[in-house]
């Protein structure tokens, strides 16, 4: 499953996300601080989506959110859209 998430309250404007089942396959932040975005992307690659959400949800940089928090929100939305296994 792939999506492009439009962020709010962060320097990054979009996040391109690809999941393979319940695992983060790839993340790419568009805009924002390149080094931090690349670091977050590399750290979450290959991890279960739920683990990434638990670790990043609620982290704040400015405006009550952050790029990692926006990623957690995007992943939560993607999980909600996935069809249950066996459906």
N, C-alpha and C. Protein backbone atom coordinates (compact mmCIF):
# COMPACT_ATOMS: atom_id res chain seq x y z
N UNK A 1 0.85 -1.17 0.00
CA UNK A 1 0.00 0.00 0.00
C UNK A 1 0.90 1.23 0.00
N UNK A 2 0.58 2.17 -0.87
CA UNK A 2 1.33 3.43 -0.96
C UNK A 2 0.39 4.60 -0.74
N UNK A 3 0.95 5.68 -0.17
CA UNK A 3 0.18 6.91 -0.03
C UNK A 3 1.13 8.09 0.04
N UNK A 4 0.61 9.26 -0.27
CA UNK A 4 1.29 10.52 -0.03
C UNK A 4 0.44 11.29 0.97
N UNK A 5 1.00 11.56 2.12
CA UNK A 5 0.30 12.23 3.21
C UNK A 5 0.67 13.70 3.21
N UNK A 6 -0.32 14.57 3.26
CA UNK A 6 -0.09 16.01 3.36
C UNK A 6 0.02 16.37 4.83
N UNK A 7 1.15 16.90 5.23
CA UNK A 7 1.40 17.23 6.63
C UNK A 7 0.82 18.59 6.98
N UNK A 8 0.75 18.86 8.28
CA UNK A 8 0.39 20.20 8.74
C UNK A 8 1.26 20.54 9.95
N UNK A 9 1.63 21.81 10.06
CA UNK A 9 2.39 22.28 11.20
C UNK A 9 3.86 21.88 11.22
N UNK A 10 4.37 21.41 10.09
CA UNK A 10 5.78 21.00 10.02
C UNK A 10 6.45 21.61 8.80
N UNK A 11 7.77 21.54 8.80
CA UNK A 11 8.53 22.03 7.63
C UNK A 11 8.34 21.11 6.43
N UNK A 12 8.27 19.81 6.67
CA UNK A 12 7.99 18.87 5.58
C UNK A 12 6.57 19.11 5.10
N UNK A 13 6.36 19.10 3.81
CA UNK A 13 5.03 19.35 3.25
C UNK A 13 4.25 18.07 2.98
N UNK A 14 4.97 17.01 2.64
CA UNK A 14 4.36 15.73 2.32
C UNK A 14 5.23 14.61 2.86
N UNK A 15 4.61 13.41 3.01
CA UNK A 15 5.36 12.21 3.33
C UNK A 15 4.88 11.12 2.39
N UNK A 16 5.81 10.57 1.60
CA UNK A 16 5.50 9.41 0.76
C UNK A 16 5.78 8.17 1.60
N UNK A 17 4.79 7.28 1.68
CA UNK A 17 4.90 6.10 2.53
C UNK A 17 4.51 4.86 1.73
N UNK A 18 5.29 3.80 1.92
CA UNK A 18 4.95 2.51 1.33
C UNK A 18 5.00 1.45 2.42
N UNK A 19 3.91 0.68 2.51
CA UNK A 19 3.83 -0.42 3.46
C UNK A 19 3.82 -1.74 2.71
N UNK A 20 4.41 -2.75 3.33
CA UNK A 20 4.29 -4.13 2.86
C UNK A 20 3.62 -4.88 3.99
N UNK A 21 2.31 -5.09 3.85
CA UNK A 21 1.55 -5.69 4.95
C UNK A 21 1.52 -4.74 6.12
N UNK A 22 2.01 -5.21 7.27
CA UNK A 22 2.03 -4.37 8.47
C UNK A 22 3.43 -3.84 8.78
N UNK A 23 4.26 -3.78 7.74
CA UNK A 23 5.65 -3.34 7.90
C UNK A 23 5.92 -2.11 7.04
N UNK A 24 6.69 -1.16 7.59
CA UNK A 24 7.08 0.03 6.84
C UNK A 24 8.16 -0.37 5.83
N UNK A 25 7.85 -0.23 4.56
CA UNK A 25 8.81 -0.57 3.50
C UNK A 25 9.67 0.63 3.12
N UNK A 26 9.05 1.83 3.08
CA UNK A 26 9.80 3.01 2.68
C UNK A 26 9.06 4.26 3.14
N UNK A 27 9.83 5.27 3.52
CA UNK A 27 9.29 6.57 3.91
C UNK A 27 10.18 7.64 3.31
N UNK A 28 9.56 8.66 2.73
CA UNK A 28 10.33 9.77 2.17
C UNK A 28 9.60 11.07 2.49
N UNK A 29 10.27 11.95 3.23
CA UNK A 29 9.72 13.25 3.56
C UNK A 29 10.03 14.22 2.44
N UNK A 30 9.06 15.03 2.05
CA UNK A 30 9.23 16.03 1.00
C UNK A 30 9.28 17.39 1.70
N UNK A 31 10.43 18.04 1.66
CA UNK A 31 10.63 19.30 2.36
C UNK A 31 11.14 19.04 3.76
N UNK A 32 11.37 20.10 4.48
CA UNK A 32 11.84 19.98 5.85
C UNK A 32 13.34 19.79 5.95
N UNK A 33 13.77 19.39 7.12
CA UNK A 33 15.18 19.20 7.42
C UNK A 33 15.65 17.87 6.85
N UNK A 34 16.45 17.93 5.80
CA UNK A 34 16.83 16.73 5.04
C UNK A 34 17.52 15.67 5.90
N UNK A 35 18.44 16.08 6.74
CA UNK A 35 19.17 15.11 7.56
C UNK A 35 18.27 14.38 8.53
N UNK A 36 17.43 15.12 9.24
CA UNK A 36 16.52 14.49 10.19
C UNK A 36 15.51 13.60 9.47
N UNK A 37 15.00 14.07 8.35
CA UNK A 37 14.02 13.29 7.60
C UNK A 37 14.62 11.98 7.11
N UNK A 38 15.84 12.04 6.61
CA UNK A 38 16.51 10.82 6.15
C UNK A 38 16.78 9.88 7.32
N UNK A 39 17.13 10.45 8.47
CA UNK A 39 17.39 9.63 9.65
C UNK A 39 16.14 8.92 10.13
N UNK A 40 15.04 9.64 10.25
CA UNK A 40 13.78 9.03 10.67
C UNK A 40 13.38 7.95 9.67
N UNK A 41 13.48 8.24 8.39
CA UNK A 41 13.12 7.27 7.36
C UNK A 41 13.93 5.99 7.49
N UNK A 42 15.23 6.13 7.69
CA UNK A 42 16.10 4.95 7.81
C UNK A 42 15.79 4.15 9.08
N UNK A 43 15.47 4.83 10.15
CA UNK A 43 15.21 4.15 11.42
C UNK A 43 13.91 3.36 11.44
N UNK A 44 12.90 3.82 10.70
CA UNK A 44 11.60 3.14 10.74
C UNK A 44 11.47 2.06 9.66
N UNK A 45 12.33 2.07 8.67
CA UNK A 45 12.25 1.10 7.59
C UNK A 45 12.40 -0.32 8.15
N UNK A 46 11.45 -1.17 7.79
CA UNK A 46 11.48 -2.56 8.22
C UNK A 46 10.79 -2.84 9.54
N UNK A 47 10.34 -1.79 10.23
CA UNK A 47 9.67 -1.97 11.52
C UNK A 47 8.16 -2.17 11.33
N UNK A 48 7.53 -2.85 12.28
CA UNK A 48 6.06 -2.96 12.24
C UNK A 48 5.42 -1.58 12.39
N UNK A 49 4.36 -1.34 11.64
CA UNK A 49 3.69 -0.05 11.65
C UNK A 49 3.27 0.34 13.07
N UNK A 50 2.68 -0.58 13.80
CA UNK A 50 2.19 -0.26 15.15
C UNK A 50 3.33 0.17 16.08
N UNK A 51 4.49 -0.44 15.94
CA UNK A 51 5.65 -0.05 16.75
C UNK A 51 6.10 1.37 16.42
N UNK A 52 6.12 1.70 15.14
CA UNK A 52 6.51 3.05 14.71
C UNK A 52 5.54 4.08 15.27
N UNK A 53 4.24 3.78 15.18
CA UNK A 53 3.23 4.71 15.70
C UNK A 53 3.42 4.92 17.20
N UNK A 54 3.61 3.84 17.95
CA UNK A 54 3.80 3.94 19.40
C UNK A 54 5.01 4.79 19.76
N UNK A 55 6.08 4.65 19.00
CA UNK A 55 7.32 5.39 19.30
C UNK A 55 7.25 6.86 18.92
N UNK A 56 6.55 7.19 17.85
CA UNK A 56 6.60 8.55 17.31
C UNK A 56 5.40 9.42 17.65
N UNK A 57 4.29 8.80 17.98
CA UNK A 57 3.06 9.55 18.24
C UNK A 57 3.24 10.54 19.39
N UNK A 58 2.86 11.78 19.13
CA UNK A 58 2.89 12.81 20.17
C UNK A 58 4.19 13.56 20.32
N UNK A 59 5.24 13.19 19.57
CA UNK A 59 6.49 13.94 19.64
C UNK A 59 6.26 15.34 19.08
N UNK A 60 6.78 16.34 19.77
CA UNK A 60 6.54 17.72 19.35
C UNK A 60 7.83 18.45 19.01
N UNK A 61 7.75 19.24 17.96
CA UNK A 61 8.84 20.11 17.54
C UNK A 61 8.38 21.55 17.68
N UNK A 62 7.31 21.86 16.96
CA UNK A 62 6.68 23.18 17.04
C UNK A 62 5.24 23.03 16.59
N UNK A 63 4.40 23.94 17.02
CA UNK A 63 3.01 23.88 16.60
C UNK A 63 2.25 22.67 17.11
N UNK A 64 2.75 22.04 18.17
CA UNK A 64 2.06 20.89 18.74
C UNK A 64 2.23 19.59 17.99
N UNK A 65 3.15 19.56 17.02
CA UNK A 65 3.38 18.35 16.25
C UNK A 65 4.85 18.33 15.81
N UNK A 66 5.21 17.34 15.01
CA UNK A 66 6.56 17.22 14.45
C UNK A 66 6.48 16.34 13.22
N UNK A 67 7.55 16.26 12.48
CA UNK A 67 7.56 15.36 11.32
C UNK A 67 7.35 13.90 11.76
N UNK A 68 8.02 13.41 12.83
CA UNK A 68 7.75 12.05 13.29
C UNK A 68 6.28 11.86 13.72
N UNK A 69 5.71 12.85 14.41
CA UNK A 69 4.31 12.75 14.82
C UNK A 69 3.40 12.71 13.60
N UNK A 70 3.69 13.50 12.59
CA UNK A 70 2.90 13.48 11.36
C UNK A 70 2.99 12.12 10.69
N UNK A 71 4.18 11.50 10.72
CA UNK A 71 4.34 10.16 10.17
C UNK A 71 3.45 9.18 10.93
N UNK A 72 3.43 9.29 12.25
CA UNK A 72 2.59 8.38 13.04
C UNK A 72 1.12 8.56 12.69
N UNK A 73 0.69 9.79 12.46
CA UNK A 73 -0.70 10.05 12.09
C UNK A 73 -1.02 9.46 10.71
N UNK A 74 -0.09 9.61 9.79
CA UNK A 74 -0.28 9.05 8.45
C UNK A 74 -0.37 7.53 8.51
N UNK A 75 0.51 6.91 9.30
CA UNK A 75 0.49 5.45 9.42
C UNK A 75 -0.79 4.96 10.08
N UNK A 76 -1.28 5.68 11.06
CA UNK A 76 -2.53 5.32 11.71
C UNK A 76 -3.67 5.33 10.69
N UNK A 77 -3.70 6.36 9.86
CA UNK A 77 -4.71 6.44 8.81
C UNK A 77 -4.60 5.29 7.82
N UNK A 78 -3.38 4.90 7.49
CA UNK A 78 -3.19 3.80 6.55
C UNK A 78 -3.68 2.49 7.17
N UNK A 79 -3.40 2.29 8.45
CA UNK A 79 -3.86 1.07 9.13
C UNK A 79 -5.38 0.99 9.11
N UNK A 80 -6.02 2.11 9.31
CA UNK A 80 -7.49 2.14 9.33
C UNK A 80 -8.08 1.81 7.97
N UNK A 81 -7.35 2.09 6.90
CA UNK A 81 -7.85 1.84 5.55
C UNK A 81 -7.58 0.41 5.07
N UNK A 82 -6.64 -0.28 5.72
CA UNK A 82 -6.31 -1.65 5.29
C UNK A 82 -7.48 -2.59 5.58
N UNK A 83 -7.69 -3.51 4.66
CA UNK A 83 -8.73 -4.50 4.87
C UNK A 83 -8.22 -5.53 5.86
N UNK A 84 -9.08 -6.00 6.75
CA UNK A 84 -8.67 -7.05 7.68
C UNK A 84 -8.27 -8.30 6.92
N UNK A 85 -7.31 -9.03 7.45
CA UNK A 85 -6.84 -10.27 6.83
C UNK A 85 -8.01 -11.26 6.81
N UNK A 86 -8.22 -11.89 5.67
CA UNK A 86 -9.31 -12.85 5.53
C UNK A 86 -10.63 -12.22 5.13
N UNK A 87 -10.64 -10.92 4.88
CA UNK A 87 -11.90 -10.26 4.51
C UNK A 87 -12.19 -10.42 3.04
